[in-house]
Amino acid sequence: QVQLVESGGGLVQAGDFTELSCVASGFIFANYAISWFRQAPGKDRELVAAISAHGLPTYYAASVRGRFAISRDNAKNTVYLQMNNLKQEDTALYSCAARSSVVYSAAVEGYDYWGQGTRVTVSS
């Protein structure tokens, strides 16, 4: 059974930091690029960060560049998203997605598997 399970969401304060995790199972994790998407209330889903199957290259949306860091541990079938200096506009449902390619895609249609998401709420 293919699964992507996110964790780490919750209520955090602006300026604080946290880390999301996405644990994969049921497929050869090391062969898949992994991305984090987010969707804020009333807004479209957007690509936040992505990492290739081998760890490089990575991608960050301009809104999070310099604050977020994506990483992966293929031995643990896990991808992480470190979120630093959080802002209220980071509030969203964060989902991880896997693509059967060395490199990531900005298109939702380019991904094979999705997690259910974990919600992050940033308070002032």
N, C-alpha and C. Protein backbone atom coordinates (compact mmCIF):
# COMPACT_ATOMS: atom_id res chain seq x y z
N GLN A 1 0.84 -1.18 0.00
CA GLN A 1 0.00 0.00 0.00
C GLN A 1 0.89 1.25 0.00
N VAL A 2 0.64 2.13 -0.95
CA VAL A 2 1.40 3.37 -1.05
C VAL A 2 0.82 4.39 -0.08
N GLN A 3 1.69 4.97 0.71
CA GLN A 3 1.26 5.99 1.66
C GLN A 3 2.29 7.08 1.80
N LEU A 4 1.81 8.30 1.99
CA LEU A 4 2.60 9.43 2.40
C LEU A 4 1.88 10.04 3.60
N VAL A 5 2.54 10.08 4.73
CA VAL A 5 1.90 10.53 5.95
C VAL A 5 2.67 11.71 6.52
N GLU A 6 2.01 12.86 6.55
CA GLU A 6 2.62 14.08 7.07
C GLU A 6 2.37 14.20 8.57
N SER A 7 3.27 14.88 9.24
CA SER A 7 3.10 15.18 10.65
C SER A 7 3.86 16.45 10.98
N GLY A 8 3.59 16.99 12.14
CA GLY A 8 4.30 18.17 12.61
C GLY A 8 3.50 19.45 12.59
N GLY A 9 2.31 19.40 12.03
CA GLY A 9 1.48 20.60 12.00
C GLY A 9 0.93 20.93 13.37
N GLY A 10 0.41 22.13 13.48
CA GLY A 10 -0.16 22.58 14.73
C GLY A 10 -0.14 24.09 14.82
N LEU A 11 -0.36 24.58 16.01
CA LEU A 11 -0.38 26.02 16.26
C LEU A 11 1.01 26.48 16.69
N VAL A 12 1.53 27.46 15.97
CA VAL A 12 2.83 28.03 16.30
C VAL A 12 2.73 29.55 16.28
N GLN A 13 3.68 30.21 16.88
CA GLN A 13 3.69 31.66 16.93
C GLN A 13 4.56 32.24 15.83
N ALA A 14 4.15 33.40 15.35
CA ALA A 14 4.96 34.11 14.36
C ALA A 14 6.37 34.31 14.90
N GLY A 15 7.33 34.11 14.03
CA GLY A 15 8.72 34.22 14.42
C GLY A 15 9.32 32.94 14.95
N ASP A 16 8.49 31.96 15.22
CA ASP A 16 8.95 30.69 15.75
C ASP A 16 9.35 29.76 14.60
N PHE A 17 9.70 28.56 14.93
CA PHE A 17 10.10 27.57 13.95
C PHE A 17 9.48 26.23 14.27
N THR A 18 9.37 25.40 13.27
CA THR A 18 8.89 24.04 13.45
C THR A 18 9.38 23.19 12.28
N GLU A 19 9.10 21.91 12.33
CA GLU A 19 9.53 21.01 11.27
C GLU A 19 8.41 20.04 10.94
N LEU A 20 8.12 19.92 9.66
CA LEU A 20 7.16 18.95 9.18
C LEU A 20 7.90 17.72 8.67
N SER A 21 7.26 16.58 8.79
CA SER A 21 7.81 15.33 8.29
C SER A 21 6.81 14.65 7.38
N CYS A 22 7.32 13.92 6.41
CA CYS A 22 6.50 13.13 5.51
C CYS A 22 7.14 11.77 5.38
N VAL A 23 6.48 10.76 5.88
CA VAL A 23 6.99 9.40 5.86
C VAL A 23 6.31 8.62 4.75
N ALA A 24 7.10 8.02 3.88
CA ALA A 24 6.58 7.30 2.72
C ALA A 24 6.73 5.80 2.89
N SER A 25 5.83 5.08 2.25
CA SER A 25 5.90 3.63 2.23
C SER A 25 5.21 3.09 0.99
N GLY A 26 5.57 1.89 0.58
CA GLY A 26 4.90 1.24 -0.53
C GLY A 26 5.49 1.51 -1.90
N PHE A 27 6.57 2.25 -1.97
CA PHE A 27 7.24 2.49 -3.25
C PHE A 27 8.72 2.76 -2.99
N ILE A 28 9.50 2.78 -4.06
CA ILE A 28 10.94 2.98 -3.92
C ILE A 28 11.20 4.47 -3.76
N PHE A 29 11.24 4.89 -2.53
CA PHE A 29 11.32 6.30 -2.18
C PHE A 29 12.49 7.01 -2.85
N ALA A 30 13.63 6.35 -2.91
CA ALA A 30 14.85 6.98 -3.43
C ALA A 30 14.77 7.30 -4.92
N ASN A 31 13.78 6.78 -5.62
CA ASN A 31 13.61 7.06 -7.05
C ASN A 31 12.63 8.19 -7.33
N TYR A 32 12.11 8.82 -6.29
CA TYR A 32 11.06 9.82 -6.44
C TYR A 32 11.51 11.19 -5.95
N ALA A 33 11.23 12.19 -6.77
CA ALA A 33 11.32 13.56 -6.29
C ALA A 33 10.15 13.82 -5.36
N ILE A 34 10.37 14.64 -4.34
CA ILE A 34 9.34 14.93 -3.34
C ILE A 34 9.16 16.43 -3.23
N SER A 35 7.91 16.85 -3.13
CA SER A 35 7.60 18.26 -2.99
C SER A 35 6.63 18.50 -1.85
N TRP A 36 6.71 19.69 -1.30
CA TRP A 36 5.72 20.18 -0.35
C TRP A 36 4.86 21.24 -1.03
N PHE A 37 3.56 21.05 -0.97
CA PHE A 37 2.60 22.04 -1.42
C PHE A 37 1.84 22.57 -0.21
N ARG A 38 1.26 23.74 -0.37
CA ARG A 38 0.39 24.25 0.67
C ARG A 38 -0.82 24.94 0.05
N GLN A 39 -1.90 24.96 0.81
CA GLN A 39 -3.10 25.63 0.38
C GLN A 39 -3.68 26.40 1.55
N ALA A 40 -3.71 27.70 1.42
CA ALA A 40 -4.29 28.56 2.43
C ALA A 40 -5.78 28.72 2.15
N PRO A 41 -6.56 29.06 3.16
CA PRO A 41 -8.00 29.25 2.96
C PRO A 41 -8.29 30.27 1.87
N GLY A 42 -9.12 29.89 0.91
CA GLY A 42 -9.51 30.79 -0.16
C GLY A 42 -8.47 30.98 -1.25
N LYS A 43 -7.39 30.24 -1.20
CA LYS A 43 -6.34 30.39 -2.19
C LYS A 43 -6.02 29.07 -2.86
N ASP A 44 -5.37 29.15 -4.01
CA ASP A 44 -4.97 27.96 -4.75
C ASP A 44 -3.79 27.27 -4.08
N ARG A 45 -3.69 26.00 -4.34
CA ARG A 45 -2.55 25.24 -3.85
C ARG A 45 -1.28 25.70 -4.56
N GLU A 46 -0.21 25.84 -3.82
CA GLU A 46 1.04 26.32 -4.40
C GLU A 46 2.20 25.44 -3.98
N LEU A 47 3.17 25.35 -4.86
CA LEU A 47 4.40 24.63 -4.56
C LEU A 47 5.24 25.47 -3.61
N VAL A 48 5.63 24.88 -2.51
CA VAL A 48 6.42 25.57 -1.50
C VAL A 48 7.89 25.23 -1.62
N ALA A 49 8.19 23.95 -1.69
CA ALA A 49 9.56 23.49 -1.76
C ALA A 49 9.59 22.12 -2.41
N ALA A 50 10.71 21.81 -3.04
CA ALA A 50 10.85 20.53 -3.71
C ALA A 50 12.29 20.06 -3.63
N ILE A 51 12.46 18.76 -3.71
CA ILE A 51 13.78 18.18 -3.64
C ILE A 51 13.86 17.01 -4.61
N SER A 52 14.96 16.91 -5.31
CA SER A 52 15.13 15.83 -6.27
C SER A 52 15.33 14.51 -5.54
N ALA A 53 15.27 13.43 -6.30
CA ALA A 53 15.43 12.11 -5.71
C ALA A 53 16.77 11.94 -5.02
N HIS A 54 17.77 12.64 -5.51
CA HIS A 54 19.11 12.51 -4.96
C HIS A 54 19.49 13.62 -4.00
N GLY A 55 18.57 14.53 -3.74
CA GLY A 55 18.83 15.61 -2.80
C GLY A 55 19.11 16.95 -3.43
N LEU A 56 19.59 16.97 -4.64
CA LEU A 56 19.84 18.19 -5.40
C LEU A 56 19.37 18.00 -6.83
N PRO A 57 18.84 19.04 -7.46
CA PRO A 57 18.62 20.39 -6.92
C PRO A 57 17.40 20.46 -6.01
N THR A 58 17.26 21.60 -5.36
CA THR A 58 16.07 21.91 -4.57
C THR A 58 15.42 23.16 -5.13
N TYR A 59 14.19 23.38 -4.74
CA TYR A 59 13.44 24.55 -5.16
C TYR A 59 12.68 25.12 -3.97
N TYR A 60 12.59 26.45 -3.93
CA TYR A 60 11.80 27.13 -2.91
C TYR A 60 11.00 28.24 -3.56
N ALA A 61 9.76 28.36 -3.15
CA ALA A 61 8.97 29.50 -3.57
C ALA A 61 9.58 30.77 -3.00
N ALA A 62 9.43 31.87 -3.72
CA ALA A 62 10.03 33.12 -3.29
C ALA A 62 9.56 33.54 -1.90
N SER A 63 8.32 33.21 -1.57
CA SER A 63 7.75 33.61 -0.30
C SER A 63 8.38 32.90 0.91
N VAL A 64 9.04 31.78 0.67
CA VAL A 64 9.64 31.03 1.77
C VAL A 64 11.14 30.89 1.65
N ARG A 65 11.70 31.31 0.55
CA ARG A 65 13.13 31.17 0.33
C ARG A 65 13.91 31.90 1.43
N GLY A 66 14.88 31.21 1.98
CA GLY A 66 15.66 31.76 3.07
C GLY A 66 15.10 31.46 4.44
N ARG A 67 13.85 31.00 4.50
CA ARG A 67 13.21 30.68 5.77
C ARG A 67 12.94 29.18 5.92
N PHE A 68 12.61 28.53 4.83
CA PHE A 68 12.29 27.10 4.85
C PHE A 68 13.46 26.31 4.27
N ALA A 69 13.58 25.07 4.69
CA ALA A 69 14.60 24.18 4.16
C ALA A 69 14.03 22.78 4.02
N ILE A 70 14.13 22.23 2.82
CA ILE A 70 13.67 20.88 2.57
C ILE A 70 14.87 19.94 2.58
N SER A 71 14.66 18.76 3.11
CA SER A 71 15.70 17.75 3.14
C SER A 71 15.06 16.37 3.10
N ARG A 72 15.86 15.37 2.83
CA ARG A 72 15.33 14.02 2.80
C ARG A 72 16.34 13.04 3.34
N ASP A 73 15.83 11.96 3.89
CA ASP A 73 16.64 10.87 4.37
C ASP A 73 16.09 9.61 3.71
N ASN A 74 16.73 9.20 2.64
CA ASN A 74 16.20 8.07 1.88
C ASN A 74 16.25 6.76 2.67
N ALA A 75 17.17 6.66 3.60
CA ALA A 75 17.24 5.47 4.44
C ALA A 75 16.03 5.34 5.34
N LYS A 76 15.41 6.48 5.67
CA LYS A 76 14.22 6.50 6.52
C LYS A 76 12.93 6.72 5.73
N ASN A 77 13.03 6.83 4.41
CA ASN A 77 11.87 7.11 3.56
C ASN A 77 11.12 8.34 4.04
N THR A 78 11.87 9.37 4.40
CA THR A 78 11.28 10.55 5.00
C THR A 78 11.81 11.83 4.36
N VAL A 79 10.92 12.78 4.17
CA VAL A 79 11.30 14.12 3.74
C VAL A 79 10.86 15.09 4.82
N TYR A 80 11.64 16.14 5.02
CA TYR A 80 11.39 17.11 6.07
C TYR A 80 11.23 18.50 5.47
N LEU A 81 10.52 19.33 6.17
CA LEU A 81 10.43 20.74 5.83
C LEU A 81 10.65 21.55 7.11
N GLN A 82 11.83 22.13 7.23
CA GLN A 82 12.11 23.02 8.34
C GLN A 82 11.54 24.38 8.01
N MET A 83 10.78 24.93 8.94
CA MET A 83 10.09 26.18 8.73
C MET A 83 10.54 27.16 9.80
N ASN A 84 11.26 28.17 9.38
CA ASN A 84 11.84 29.14 10.31
C ASN A 84 11.21 30.52 10.12
N ASN A 85 11.28 31.32 11.17
CA ASN A 85 10.74 32.68 11.13
C ASN A 85 9.34 32.69 10.52
N LEU A 86 8.48 31.90 11.08
CA LEU A 86 7.14 31.73 10.52
C LEU A 86 6.34 33.02 10.55
N LYS A 87 5.54 33.20 9.51
CA LYS A 87 4.69 34.36 9.36
C LYS A 87 3.23 33.91 9.30
N GLN A 88 2.33 34.83 9.59
CA GLN A 88 0.91 34.50 9.56
C GLN A 88 0.50 33.99 8.18
N GLU A 89 1.11 34.51 7.14
CA GLU A 89 0.76 34.08 5.79
C GLU A 89 1.23 32.67 5.46
N ASP A 90 1.99 32.05 6.36
CA ASP A 90 2.37 30.65 6.18
C ASP A 90 1.27 29.69 6.61
N THR A 91 0.23 30.22 7.22
CA THR A 91 -0.89 29.38 7.65
C THR A 91 -1.52 28.68 6.46
N ALA A 92 -1.56 27.36 6.50
CA ALA A 92 -2.08 26.59 5.38
C ALA A 92 -2.09 25.11 5.72
N LEU A 93 -2.72 24.34 4.86
CA LEU A 93 -2.61 22.89 4.90
C LEU A 93 -1.41 22.50 4.04
N TYR A 94 -0.46 21.83 4.64
CA TYR A 94 0.76 21.43 3.95
C TYR A 94 0.69 19.95 3.59
N SER A 95 0.92 19.65 2.31
CA SER A 95 0.86 18.28 1.82
C SER A 95 2.16 17.93 1.12
N CYS A 96 2.58 16.70 1.25
CA CYS A 96 3.73 16.24 0.49
C CYS A 96 3.26 15.38 -0.67
N ALA A 97 4.05 15.38 -1.73
CA ALA A 97 3.71 14.65 -2.94
C ALA A 97 4.96 14.03 -3.53
N ALA A 98 4.81 12.87 -4.15
CA ALA A 98 5.92 12.14 -4.72
C ALA A 98 5.76 12.00 -6.23
N ARG A 99 6.86 12.18 -6.94
CA ARG A 99 6.87 12.10 -8.39
C ARG A 99 7.93 11.10 -8.84
N SER A 100 7.56 10.22 -9.75
CA SER A 100 8.46 9.18 -10.23
C SER A 100 9.45 9.74 -11.24
N SER A 101 10.29 10.63 -10.75
CA SER A 101 11.30 11.27 -11.57
C SER A 101 12.42 11.72 -10.66
N VAL A 102 13.58 11.91 -11.24
CA VAL A 102 14.70 12.45 -10.48
C VAL A 102 14.41 13.87 -10.03
N VAL A 103 13.72 14.63 -10.89
CA VAL A 103 13.45 16.03 -10.61
C VAL A 103 11.97 16.25 -10.32
N TYR A 104 11.68 17.36 -9.67
CA TYR A 104 10.34 17.72 -9.26
C TYR A 104 9.61 18.44 -10.38
N SER A 105 8.34 18.72 -10.13
CA SER A 105 7.50 19.47 -11.06
C SER A 105 6.68 20.47 -10.27
N ALA A 106 6.39 21.61 -10.90
CA ALA A 106 5.52 22.60 -10.28
C ALA A 106 4.04 22.26 -10.48
N ALA A 107 3.76 21.33 -11.35
CA ALA A 107 2.38 20.98 -11.70
C ALA A 107 1.87 19.87 -10.80
N VAL A 108 0.69 20.06 -10.27
CA VAL A 108 0.04 19.05 -9.44
C VAL A 108 -0.10 17.74 -10.19
N GLU A 109 -0.38 17.83 -11.48
CA GLU A 109 -0.59 16.64 -12.31
C GLU A 109 0.67 15.81 -12.49
N GLY A 110 1.80 16.36 -12.15
CA GLY A 110 3.05 15.66 -12.32
C GLY A 110 3.41 14.71 -11.19
N TYR A 111 2.55 14.59 -10.20
CA TYR A 111 2.83 13.77 -9.03
C TYR A 111 1.97 12.52 -8.98
N ASP A 112 2.57 11.45 -8.51
CA ASP A 112 1.91 10.16 -8.47
C ASP A 112 1.17 9.91 -7.16
N TYR A 113 1.74 10.36 -6.06
CA TYR A 113 1.19 10.07 -4.74
C TYR A 113 1.11 11.33 -3.90
N TRP A 114 0.08 11.39 -3.07
CA TRP A 114 -0.15 12.53 -2.19
C TRP A 114 -0.46 12.08 -0.78
N GLY A 115 -0.01 12.86 0.17
CA GLY A 115 -0.42 12.66 1.54
C GLY A 115 -1.69 13.42 1.84
N GLN A 116 -2.23 13.21 3.01
CA GLN A 116 -3.48 13.85 3.39
C GLN A 116 -3.29 15.28 3.87
N GLY A 117 -2.09 15.64 4.22
CA GLY A 117 -1.78 16.98 4.66
C GLY A 117 -1.74 17.14 6.16
N THR A 118 -1.01 18.16 6.60
CA THR A 118 -0.98 18.54 8.00
C THR A 118 -1.14 20.05 8.07
N ARG A 119 -1.97 20.50 8.98
CA ARG A 119 -2.33 21.90 9.02
C ARG A 119 -1.40 22.67 9.95
N VAL A 120 -0.91 23.80 9.44
CA VAL A 120 -0.06 24.70 10.21
C VAL A 120 -0.80 26.02 10.38
N THR A 121 -0.94 26.44 11.61
CA THR A 121 -1.57 27.72 11.92
C THR A 121 -0.57 28.59 12.66
N VAL A 122 -0.30 29.75 12.09
CA VAL A 122 0.67 30.67 12.68
C VAL A 122 -0.08 31.84 13.29
N SER A 123 0.09 32.04 14.56
CA SER A 123 -0.57 33.13 15.27
C SER A 123 0.40 34.27 15.48
N SER A 124 -0.16 35.45 15.72
CA SER A 124 0.67 36.63 15.97
C SER A 124 1.12 36.71 17.41
